[in-house]
Amino acid sequence: MPRTLLDGYASSRKKANLTASGPKVGCEAFGLAANVLLLAALACRPVLTIGWGEMFFIIALLLIVIGPPLYRLFRRLEEFRRHERENEQNRRERDKSR
């Protein structure tokens, strides 16, 4: 009878006749790690309680932080498109005059 979880893991590896270079070592280690993380996540289940005031604050903060750079980007993009249209019109006029 294994005394700890790891003792049981070691004895089951001996029964399956697996060595350190066996093909299932990585899968078993990943499964063990995934189980440990899953159990830890279930033991510490977070409780999310965000009210309307906090949600408004987060949205307002995001708009303040992200808003001005996005506004500048869109303004420069529109200016670039306007210049491209003007350049295209100038090229067409030059091609007609040739």
PDB file of N, CA and C in Angstrom:
ATOM      1  N   MET A   1       0.846  -1.181   0.000  1.00  0.00           N
ATOM      2  CA  MET A   1       0.000   0.000   0.000  1.00  0.00           C
ATOM      3  C   MET A   1       0.888   1.240   0.000  1.00  0.00           C
ATOM      4  N   PRO A   2       0.717   2.139  -0.972  1.00  0.00           N
ATOM      5  CA  PRO A   2       1.552   3.342  -1.021  1.00  0.00           C
ATOM      6  C   PRO A   2       1.212   4.291   0.119  1.00  0.00           C
ATOM      7  N   ARG A   3       2.250   4.894   0.671  1.00  0.00           N
ATOM      8  CA  ARG A   3       2.052   5.831   1.777  1.00  0.00           C
ATOM      9  C   ARG A   3       1.697   7.227   1.274  1.00  0.00           C
ATOM     10  N   THR A   4       2.228   7.617   0.112  1.00  0.00           N
ATOM     11  CA  THR A   4       1.944   8.937  -0.441  1.00  0.00           C
ATOM     12  C   THR A   4       1.515   8.781  -1.888  1.00  0.00           C
ATOM     13  N   LEU A   5       1.049   9.871  -2.467  1.00  0.00           N
ATOM     14  CA  LEU A   5       0.630   9.860  -3.863  1.00  0.00           C
ATOM     15  C   LEU A   5       1.807   9.528  -4.781  1.00  0.00           C
ATOM     16  N   LEU A   6       2.972  10.068  -4.477  1.00  0.00           N
ATOM     17  CA  LEU A   6       4.131   9.811  -5.325  1.00  0.00           C
ATOM     18  C   LEU A   6       4.608   8.369  -5.214  1.00  0.00           C
ATOM     19  N   ASP A   7       4.482   7.741  -4.033  1.00  0.00           N
ATOM     20  CA  ASP A   7       4.835   6.337  -3.906  1.00  0.00           C
ATOM     21  C   ASP A   7       3.936   5.487  -4.793  1.00  0.00           C
ATOM     22  N   GLY A   8       2.665   5.806  -4.823  1.00  0.00           N
ATOM     23  CA  GLY A   8       1.733   5.075  -5.677  1.00  0.00           C
ATOM     24  C   GLY A   8       2.061   5.268  -7.138  1.00  0.00           C
ATOM     25  N   TYR A   9       2.469   6.478  -7.499  1.00  0.00           N
ATOM     26  CA  TYR A   9       2.850   6.766  -8.878  1.00  0.00           C
ATOM     27  C   TYR A   9       4.077   5.951  -9.267  1.00  0.00           C
ATOM     28  N   ALA A  10       5.059   5.865  -8.362  1.00  0.00           N
ATOM     29  CA  ALA A  10       6.277   5.114  -8.658  1.00  0.00           C
ATOM     30  C   ALA A  10       5.975   3.625  -8.774  1.00  0.00           C
ATOM     31  N   SER A  11       5.128   3.090  -7.890  1.00  0.00           N
ATOM     32  CA  SER A  11       4.834   1.663  -7.963  1.00  0.00           C
ATOM     33  C   SER A  11       4.016   1.335  -9.203  1.00  0.00           C
ATOM     34  N   SER A  12       3.139   2.228  -9.645  1.00  0.00           N
ATOM     35  CA  SER A  12       2.377   1.952 -10.859  1.00  0.00           C
ATOM     36  C   SER A  12       3.287   1.971 -12.080  1.00  0.00           C
ATOM     37  N   ARG A  13       4.348   2.799 -12.048  1.00  0.00           N
ATOM     38  CA  ARG A  13       5.308   2.809 -13.154  1.00  0.00           C
ATOM     39  C   ARG A  13       6.072   1.495 -13.194  1.00  0.00           C
ATOM     40  N   LYS A  14       6.396   0.936 -12.011  1.00  0.00           N
ATOM     41  CA  LYS A  14       7.108  -0.342 -11.973  1.00  0.00           C
ATOM     42  C   LYS A  14       6.214  -1.458 -12.501  1.00  0.00           C
ATOM     43  N   LYS A  15       4.932  -1.433 -12.151  1.00  0.00           N
ATOM     44  CA  LYS A  15       4.010  -2.456 -12.630  1.00  0.00           C
ATOM     45  C   LYS A  15       3.856  -2.388 -14.146  1.00  0.00           C
ATOM     46  N   ALA A  16       3.827  -1.181 -14.701  1.00  0.00           N
ATOM     47  CA  ALA A  16       3.678  -1.023 -16.141  1.00  0.00           C
ATOM     48  C   ALA A  16       4.993  -1.249 -16.862  1.00  0.00           C
ATOM     49  N   ASN A  17       6.076  -1.438 -16.105  1.00  0.00           N
ATOM     50  CA  ASN A  17       7.400  -1.686 -16.665  1.00  0.00           C
ATOM     51  C   ASN A  17       7.848  -0.541 -17.572  1.00  0.00           C
ATOM     52  N   LEU A  18       7.682   0.692 -17.085  1.00  0.00           N
ATOM     53  CA  LEU A  18       8.093   1.865 -17.844  1.00  0.00           C
ATOM     54  C   LEU A  18       9.432   2.358 -17.333  1.00  0.00           C
ATOM     55  N   THR A  19      10.275   2.798 -18.232  1.00  0.00           N
ATOM     56  CA  THR A  19      11.554   3.377 -17.858  1.00  0.00           C
ATOM     57  C   THR A  19      11.506   4.869 -18.108  1.00  0.00           C
ATOM     58  N   ALA A  20      12.568   5.555 -17.710  1.00  0.00           N
ATOM     59  CA  ALA A  20      12.619   7.006 -17.901  1.00  0.00           C
ATOM     60  C   ALA A  20      12.638   7.376 -19.371  1.00  0.00           C
ATOM     61  N   SER A  21      13.114   6.483 -20.227  1.00  0.00           N
ATOM     62  CA  SER A  21      13.168   6.794 -21.652  1.00  0.00           C
ATOM     63  C   SER A  21      11.967   6.234 -22.398  1.00  0.00           C
ATOM     64  N   GLY A  22      10.961   5.746 -21.677  1.00  0.00           N
ATOM     65  CA  GLY A  22       9.784   5.162 -22.316  1.00  0.00           C
ATOM     66  C   GLY A  22       8.933   6.222 -22.988  1.00  0.00           C
ATOM     67  N   PRO A  23       8.084   5.816 -23.919  1.00  0.00           N
ATOM     68  CA  PRO A  23       7.302   6.784 -24.682  1.00  0.00           C
ATOM     69  C   PRO A  23       6.192   7.455 -23.896  1.00  0.00           C
ATOM     70  N   LYS A  24       5.729   6.847 -22.795  1.00  0.00           N
ATOM     71  CA  LYS A  24       4.601   7.410 -22.063  1.00  0.00           C
ATOM     72  C   LYS A  24       5.004   8.314 -20.912  1.00  0.00           C
ATOM     73  N   VAL A  25       6.282   8.523 -20.696  1.00  0.00           N
ATOM     74  CA  VAL A  25       6.729   9.312 -19.547  1.00  0.00           C
ATOM     75  C   VAL A  25       6.242  10.741 -19.637  1.00  0.00           C
ATOM     76  N   GLY A  26       6.386  11.370 -20.805  1.00  0.00           N
ATOM     77  CA  GLY A  26       5.966  12.759 -20.963  1.00  0.00           C
ATOM     78  C   GLY A  26       4.475  12.916 -20.779  1.00  0.00           C
ATOM     79  N   CYS A  27       3.703  11.974 -21.331  1.00  0.00           N
ATOM     80  CA  CYS A  27       2.250  12.045 -21.211  1.00  0.00           C
ATOM     81  C   CYS A  27       1.813  11.867 -19.764  1.00  0.00           C
ATOM     82  N   GLU A  28       2.434  10.942 -19.061  1.00  0.00           N
ATOM     83  CA  GLU A  28       2.064  10.714 -17.665  1.00  0.00           C
ATOM     84  C   GLU A  28       2.449  11.901 -16.793  1.00  0.00           C
ATOM     85  N   ALA A  29       3.617  12.461 -17.045  1.00  0.00           N
ATOM     86  CA  ALA A  29       4.037  13.622 -16.261  1.00  0.00           C
ATOM     87  C   ALA A  29       3.114  14.803 -16.537  1.00  0.00           C
ATOM     88  N   PHE A  30       2.716  14.967 -17.779  1.00  0.00           N
ATOM     89  CA  PHE A  30       1.802  16.060 -18.121  1.00  0.00           C
ATOM     90  C   PHE A  30       0.448  15.837 -17.455  1.00  0.00           C
ATOM     91  N   GLY A  31      -0.023  14.587 -17.463  1.00  0.00           N
ATOM     92  CA  GLY A  31      -1.304  14.282 -16.834  1.00  0.00           C
ATOM     93  C   GLY A  31      -1.272  14.538 -15.338  1.00  0.00           C
ATOM     94  N   LEU A  32      -0.171  14.162 -14.700  1.00  0.00           N
ATOM     95  CA  LEU A  32      -0.032  14.403 -13.263  1.00  0.00           C
ATOM     96  C   LEU A  32      -0.020  15.898 -12.979  1.00  0.00           C
ATOM     97  N   ALA A  33       0.738  16.649 -13.774  1.00  0.00           N
ATOM     98  CA  ALA A  33       0.808  18.103 -13.578  1.00  0.00           C
ATOM     99  C   ALA A  33      -0.555  18.745 -13.832  1.00  0.00           C
ATOM    100  N   ALA A  34      -1.254  18.283 -14.871  1.00  0.00           N
ATOM    101  CA  ALA A  34      -2.571  18.836 -15.168  1.00  0.00           C
ATOM    102  C   ALA A  34      -3.550  18.553 -14.032  1.00  0.00           C
ATOM    103  N   ASN A  35      -3.490  17.353 -13.463  1.00  0.00           N
ATOM    104  CA  ASN A  35      -4.373  17.021 -12.339  1.00  0.00           C
ATOM    105  C   ASN A  35      -4.072  17.875 -11.115  1.00  0.00           C
ATOM    106  N   VAL A  36      -2.806  18.082 -10.837  1.00  0.00           N
ATOM    107  CA  VAL A  36      -2.432  18.917  -9.688  1.00  0.00           C
ATOM    108  C   VAL A  36      -2.929  20.339  -9.882  1.00  0.00           C
ATOM    109  N   LEU A  37      -2.745  20.891 -11.080  1.00  0.00           N
ATOM    110  CA  LEU A  37      -3.203  22.256 -11.343  1.00  0.00           C
ATOM    111  C   LEU A  37      -4.721  22.354 -11.312  1.00  0.00           C
ATOM    112  N   LEU A  38      -5.399  21.335 -11.819  1.00  0.00           N
ATOM    113  CA  LEU A  38      -6.856  21.341 -11.798  1.00  0.00           C
ATOM    114  C   LEU A  38      -7.383  21.302 -10.367  1.00  0.00           C
ATOM    115  N   LEU A  39      -6.814  20.453  -9.548  1.00  0.00           N
ATOM    116  CA  LEU A  39      -7.247  20.378  -8.151  1.00  0.00           C
ATOM    117  C   LEU A  39      -6.958  21.680  -7.409  1.00  0.00           C
ATOM    118  N   ALA A  40      -5.819  22.289  -7.689  1.00  0.00           N
ATOM    119  CA  ALA A  40      -5.496  23.569  -7.047  1.00  0.00           C
ATOM    120  C   ALA A  40      -6.466  24.651  -7.493  1.00  0.00           C
ATOM    121  N   ALA A  41      -6.839  24.640  -8.769  1.00  0.00           N
ATOM    122  CA  ALA A  41      -7.772  25.645  -9.275  1.00  0.00           C
ATOM    123  C   ALA A  41      -9.161  25.457  -8.664  1.00  0.00           C
ATOM    124  N   LEU A  42      -9.566  24.209  -8.480  1.00  0.00           N
ATOM    125  CA  LEU A  42     -10.874  23.962  -7.886  1.00  0.00           C
ATOM    126  C   LEU A  42     -10.905  24.314  -6.404  1.00  0.00           C
ATOM    127  N   ALA A  43      -9.775  24.152  -5.733  1.00  0.00           N
ATOM    128  CA  ALA A  43      -9.718  24.462  -4.309  1.00  0.00           C
ATOM    129  C   ALA A  43      -9.778  25.963  -4.069  1.00  0.00           C
ATOM    130  N   CYS A  44      -9.263  26.760  -4.977  1.00  0.00           N
ATOM    131  CA  CYS A  44      -9.223  28.216  -4.823  1.00  0.00           C
ATOM    132  C   CYS A  44     -10.087  28.858  -5.893  1.00  0.00           C
ATOM    133  N   ARG A  45     -11.364  28.600  -5.874  1.00  0.00           N
ATOM    134  CA  ARG A  45     -12.261  29.138  -6.891  1.00  0.00           C
ATOM    135  C   ARG A  45     -12.500  30.620  -6.631  1.00  0.00           C
ATOM    136  N   PRO A  46     -12.111  31.475  -7.564  1.00  0.00           N
ATOM    137  CA  PRO A  46     -12.315  32.915  -7.345  1.00  0.00           C
ATOM    138  C   PRO A  46     -13.777  33.299  -7.532  1.00  0.00           C
ATOM    139  N   VAL A  47     -14.176  34.325  -6.817  1.00  0.00           N
ATOM    140  CA  VAL A  47     -15.528  34.840  -6.926  1.00  0.00           C
ATOM    141  C   VAL A  47     -15.427  36.223  -7.551  1.00  0.00           C
ATOM    142  N   LEU A  48     -16.031  36.384  -8.703  1.00  0.00           N
ATOM    143  CA  LEU A  48     -15.997  37.665  -9.390  1.00  0.00           C
ATOM    144  C   LEU A  48     -17.309  38.404  -9.144  1.00  0.00           C
ATOM    145  N   THR A  49     -17.229  39.513  -8.487  1.00  0.00           N
ATOM    146  CA  THR A  49     -18.408  40.341  -8.267  1.00  0.00           C
ATOM    147  C   THR A  49     -18.047  41.763  -8.664  1.00  0.00           C
ATOM    148  N   ILE A  50     -18.466  42.130  -9.851  1.00  0.00           N
ATOM    149  CA  ILE A  50     -18.213  43.478 -10.353  1.00  0.00           C
ATOM    150  C   ILE A  50     -19.573  44.131 -10.556  1.00  0.00           C
ATOM    151  N   GLY A  51     -19.768  45.230  -9.882  1.00  0.00           N
ATOM    152  CA  GLY A  51     -21.028  45.959 -10.010  1.00  0.00           C
ATOM    153  C   GLY A  51     -20.983  46.929 -11.180  1.00  0.00           C
ATOM    154  N   TRP A  52     -22.103  47.631 -11.378  1.00  0.00           N
ATOM    155  CA  TRP A  52     -22.186  48.581 -12.482  1.00  0.00           C
ATOM    156  C   TRP A  52     -21.213  49.738 -12.298  1.00  0.00           C
ATOM    157  N   GLY A  53     -20.996  50.155 -11.080  1.00  0.00           N
ATOM    158  CA  GLY A  53     -20.066  51.264 -10.832  1.00  0.00           C
ATOM    159  C   GLY A  53     -18.640  50.902 -11.212  1.00  0.00           C
ATOM    160  N   GLU A  54     -18.225  49.690 -10.829  1.00  0.00           N
ATOM    161  CA  GLU A  54     -16.878  49.249 -11.181  1.00  0.00           C
ATOM    162  C   GLU A  54     -16.733  49.056 -12.684  1.00  0.00           C
ATOM    163  N   MET A  55     -17.797  48.502 -13.313  1.00  0.00           N
ATOM    164  CA  MET A  55     -17.758  48.293 -14.759  1.00  0.00           C
ATOM    165  C   MET A  55     -17.652  49.639 -15.487  1.00  0.00           C
ATOM    166  N   PHE A  56     -18.415  50.633 -15.042  1.00  0.00           N
ATOM    167  CA  PHE A  56     -18.335  51.964 -15.641  1.00  0.00           C
ATOM    168  C   PHE A  56     -16.936  52.542 -15.470  1.00  0.00           C
ATOM    169  N   PHE A  57     -16.350  52.365 -14.288  1.00  0.00           N
ATOM    170  CA  PHE A  57     -15.010  52.873 -14.021  1.00  0.00           C
ATOM    171  C   PHE A  57     -13.979  52.216 -14.943  1.00  0.00           C
ATOM    172  N   ILE A  58     -14.065  50.919 -15.135  1.00  0.00           N
ATOM    173  CA  ILE A  58     -13.119  50.206 -16.007  1.00  0.00           C
ATOM    174  C   ILE A  58     -13.259  50.679 -17.446  1.00  0.00           C
ATOM    175  N   ILE A  59     -14.500  50.819 -17.927  1.00  0.00           N
ATOM    176  CA  ILE A  59     -14.727  51.280 -19.299  1.00  0.00           C
ATOM    177  C   ILE A  59     -14.221  52.705 -19.476  1.00  0.00           C
ATOM    178  N   ALA A  60     -14.505  53.575 -18.514  1.00  0.00           N
ATOM    179  CA  ALA A  60     -14.039  54.960 -18.601  1.00  0.00           C
ATOM    180  C   ALA A  60     -12.512  55.016 -18.599  1.00  0.00           C
ATOM    181  N   LEU A  61     -11.888  54.212 -17.767  1.00  0.00           N
ATOM    182  CA  LEU A  61     -10.430  54.180 -17.714  1.00  0.00           C
ATOM    183  C   LEU A  61      -9.844  53.704 -19.045  1.00  0.00           C
ATOM    184  N   LEU A  62     -10.435  52.662 -19.627  1.00  0.00           N
ATOM    185  CA  LEU A  62      -9.971  52.176 -20.930  1.00  0.00           C
ATOM    186  C   LEU A  62     -10.142  53.238 -22.012  1.00  0.00           C
ATOM    187  N   LEU A  63     -11.259  53.952 -21.993  1.00  0.00           N
ATOM    188  CA  LEU A  63     -11.464  55.004 -22.991  1.00  0.00           C
ATOM    189  C   LEU A  63     -10.453  56.131 -22.836  1.00  0.00           C
ATOM    190  N   ILE A  64     -10.131  56.464 -21.595  1.00  0.00           N
ATOM    191  CA  ILE A  64      -9.147  57.526 -21.362  1.00  0.00           C
ATOM    192  C   ILE A  64      -7.760  57.091 -21.809  1.00  0.00           C
ATOM    193  N   VAL A  65      -7.414  55.846 -21.552  1.00  0.00           N
ATOM    194  CA  VAL A  65      -6.066  55.364 -21.887  1.00  0.00           C
ATOM    195  C   VAL A  65      -5.936  55.051 -23.366  1.00  0.00           C
ATOM    196  N   ILE A  66      -6.926  54.398 -23.951  1.00  0.00           N
ATOM    197  CA  ILE A  66      -6.817  53.932 -25.330  1.00  0.00           C
ATOM    198  C   ILE A  66      -7.419  54.922 -26.325  1.00  0.00           C
ATOM    199  N   GLY A  67      -8.337  55.769 -25.890  1.00  0.00           N
ATOM    200  CA  GLY A  67      -9.045  56.684 -26.786  1.00  0.00           C
ATOM    201  C   GLY A  67      -8.161  57.636 -27.574  1.00  0.00           C
ATOM    202  N   PRO A  68      -7.310  58.434 -26.934  1.00  0.00           N
ATOM    203  CA  PRO A  68      -6.503  59.395 -27.705  1.00  0.00           C
ATOM    204  C   PRO A  68      -5.569  58.757 -28.745  1.00  0.00           C
ATOM    205  N   PRO A  69      -4.865  57.665 -28.424  1.00  0.00           N
ATOM    206  CA  PRO A  69      -4.042  57.060 -29.481  1.00  0.00           C
ATOM    207  C   PRO A  69      -4.874  56.532 -30.654  1.00  0.00           C
ATOM    208  N   LEU A  70      -6.050  55.961 -30.359  1.00  0.00           N
ATOM    209  CA  LEU A  70      -6.899  55.491 -31.447  1.00  0.00           C
ATOM    210  C   LEU A  70      -7.419  56.649 -32.292  1.00  0.00           C
ATOM    211  N   TYR A  71      -7.759  57.757 -31.641  1.00  0.00           N
ATOM    212  CA  TYR A  71      -8.223  58.932 -32.376  1.00  0.00           C
ATOM    213  C   TYR A  71      -7.125  59.451 -33.313  1.00  0.00           C
ATOM    214  N   ARG A  72      -5.889  59.548 -32.797  1.00  0.00           N
ATOM    215  CA  ARG A  72      -4.782  59.997 -33.638  1.00  0.00           C
ATOM    216  C   ARG A  72      -4.539  59.040 -34.790  1.00  0.00           C
ATOM    217  N   LEU A  73      -4.627  57.740 -34.520  1.00  0.00           N
ATOM    218  CA  LEU A  73      -4.427  56.751 -35.574  1.00  0.00           C
ATOM    219  C   LEU A  73      -5.464  56.906 -36.672  1.00  0.00           C
ATOM    220  N   PHE A  74      -6.737  57.030 -36.305  1.00  0.00           N
ATOM    221  CA  PHE A  74      -7.782  57.172 -37.312  1.00  0.00           C
ATOM    222  C   PHE A  74      -7.656  58.480 -38.072  1.00  0.00           C
ATOM    223  N   ARG A  75      -7.266  59.540 -37.385  1.00  0.00           N
ATOM    224  CA  ARG A  75      -7.087  60.827 -38.061  1.00  0.00           C
ATOM    225  C   ARG A  75      -5.955  60.755 -39.076  1.00  0.00           C
ATOM    226  N   ARG A  76      -4.830  60.138 -38.695  1.00  0.00           N
ATOM    227  CA  ARG A  76      -3.703  59.990 -39.627  1.00  0.00           C
ATOM    228  C   ARG A  76      -4.037  59.047 -40.765  1.00  0.00           C
ATOM    229  N   LEU A  77      -4.811  58.008 -40.491  1.00  0.00           N
ATOM    230  CA  LEU A  77      -5.216  57.082 -41.540  1.00  0.00           C
ATOM    231  C   LEU A  77      -6.094  57.788 -42.564  1.00  0.00           C
ATOM    232  N   GLU A  78      -7.025  58.593 -42.104  1.00  0.00           N
ATOM    233  CA  GLU A  78      -7.881  59.348 -43.024  1.00  0.00           C
ATOM    234  C   GLU A  78      -7.056  60.348 -43.832  1.00  0.00           C
ATOM    235  N   GLU A  79      -6.100  60.999 -43.196  1.00  0.00           N
ATOM    236  CA  GLU A  79      -5.226  61.929 -43.911  1.00  0.00           C
ATOM    237  C   GLU A  79      -4.401  61.197 -44.972  1.00  0.00           C
ATOM    238  N   PHE A  80      -3.905  60.014 -44.629  1.00  0.00           N
ATOM    239  CA  PHE A  80      -3.139  59.215 -45.591  1.00  0.00           C
ATOM    240  C   PHE A  80      -4.015  58.820 -46.771  1.00  0.00           C
ATOM    241  N   ARG A  81      -5.246  58.410 -46.523  1.00  0.00           N
ATOM    242  CA  ARG A  81      -6.151  58.028 -47.610  1.00  0.00           C
ATOM    243  C   ARG A  81      -6.473  59.219 -48.505  1.00  0.00           C
ATOM    244  N   ARG A  82      -6.650  60.387 -47.886  1.00  0.00           N
ATOM    245  CA  ARG A  82      -6.939  61.592 -48.666  1.00  0.00           C
ATOM    246  C   ARG A  82      -5.771  61.925 -49.577  1.00  0.00           C
ATOM    247  N   HIS A  83      -4.533  61.828 -49.048  1.00  0.00           N
ATOM    248  CA  HIS A  83      -3.351  62.080 -49.879  1.00  0.00           C
ATOM    249  C   HIS A  83      -3.224  61.054 -50.995  1.00  0.00           C
ATOM    250  N   GLU A  84      -3.550  59.807 -50.704  1.00  0.00           N
ATOM    251  CA  GLU A  84      -3.495  58.772 -51.741  1.00  0.00           C
ATOM    252  C   GLU A  84      -4.499  59.061 -52.855  1.00  0.00           C
ATOM    253  N   ARG A  85      -5.704  59.498 -52.510  1.00  0.00           N
ATOM    254  CA  ARG A  85      -6.699  59.844 -53.533  1.00  0.00           C
ATOM    255  C   ARG A  85      -6.209  61.016 -54.374  1.00  0.00           C
ATOM    256  N   GLU A  86      -5.636  62.025 -53.705  1.00  0.00           N
ATOM    257  CA  GLU A  86      -5.110  63.180 -54.451  1.00  0.00           C
ATOM    258  C   GLU A  86      -3.970  62.768 -55.365  1.00  0.00           C
ATOM    259  N   ASN A  87      -3.066  61.930 -54.876  1.00  0.00           N
ATOM    260  CA  ASN A  87      -1.962  61.464 -55.716  1.00  0.00           C
ATOM    261  C   ASN A  87      -2.461  60.663 -56.908  1.00  0.00           C
ATOM    262  N   GLU A  88      -3.482  59.850 -56.693  1.00  0.00           N
ATOM    263  CA  GLU A  88      -4.043  59.063 -57.790  1.00  0.00           C
ATOM    264  C   GLU A  88      -4.680  59.979 -58.836  1.00  0.00           C
ATOM    265  N   GLN A  89      -5.379  61.020 -58.377  1.00  0.00           N
ATOM    266  CA  GLN A  89      -5.969  61.969 -59.317  1.00  0.00           C
ATOM    267  C   GLN A  89      -4.878  62.710 -60.092  1.00  0.00           C
ATOM    268  N   ASN A  90      -3.802  63.102 -59.406  1.00  0.00           N
ATOM    269  CA  ASN A  90      -2.698  63.788 -60.090  1.00  0.00           C
ATOM    270  C   ASN A  90      -2.032  62.877 -61.111  1.00  0.00           C
ATOM    271  N   ARG A  91      -1.876  61.603 -60.803  1.00  0.00           N
ATOM    272  CA  ARG A  91      -1.288  60.659 -61.760  1.00  0.00           C
ATOM    273  C   ARG A  91      -2.167  60.514 -62.996  1.00  0.00           C
ATOM    274  N   ARG A  92      -3.476  60.430 -62.785  1.00  0.00           N
ATOM    275  CA  ARG A  92      -4.391  60.306 -63.927  1.00  0.00           C
ATOM    276  C   ARG A  92      -4.332  61.541 -64.812  1.00  0.00           C
ATOM    277  N   GLU A  93      -4.263  62.719 -64.189  1.00  0.00           N
ATOM    278  CA  GLU A  93      -4.182  63.955 -64.973  1.00  0.00           C
ATOM    279  C   GLU A  93      -2.877  64.011 -65.764  1.00  0.00           C
ATOM    280  N   ARG A  94      -1.758  63.590 -65.140  1.00  0.00           N
ATOM    281  CA  ARG A  94      -0.482  63.576 -65.852  1.00  0.00           C
ATOM    282  C   ARG A  94      -0.499  62.576 -67.008  1.00  0.00           C
ATOM    283  N   ASP A  95      -1.122  61.415 -66.776  1.00  0.00           N
ATOM    284  CA  ASP A  95      -1.194  60.422 -67.839  1.00  0.00           C
ATOM    285  C   ASP A  95      -2.056  60.903 -69.002  1.00  0.00           C
ATOM    286  N   LYS A  96      -3.100  61.652 -68.721  1.00  0.00           N
ATOM    287  CA  LYS A  96      -3.951  62.190 -69.801  1.00  0.00           C
ATOM    288  C   LYS A  96      -3.223  63.251 -70.609  1.00  0.00           C
ATOM    289  N   SER A  97      -2.391  64.030 -69.931  1.00  0.00           N
ATOM    290  CA  SER A  97      -1.690  65.118 -70.628  1.00  0.00           C
ATOM    291  C   SER A  97      -0.549  64.592 -71.492  1.00  0.00           C
ATOM    292  N   ARG A  98      -0.088  63.408 -71.293  1.00  0.00           N
ATOM    293  CA  ARG A  98       1.017  62.844 -72.076  1.00  0.00           C
ATOM    294  C   ARG A  98       0.574  62.349 -73.383  1.00  0.00           C
TER     295      ARG A  98
END
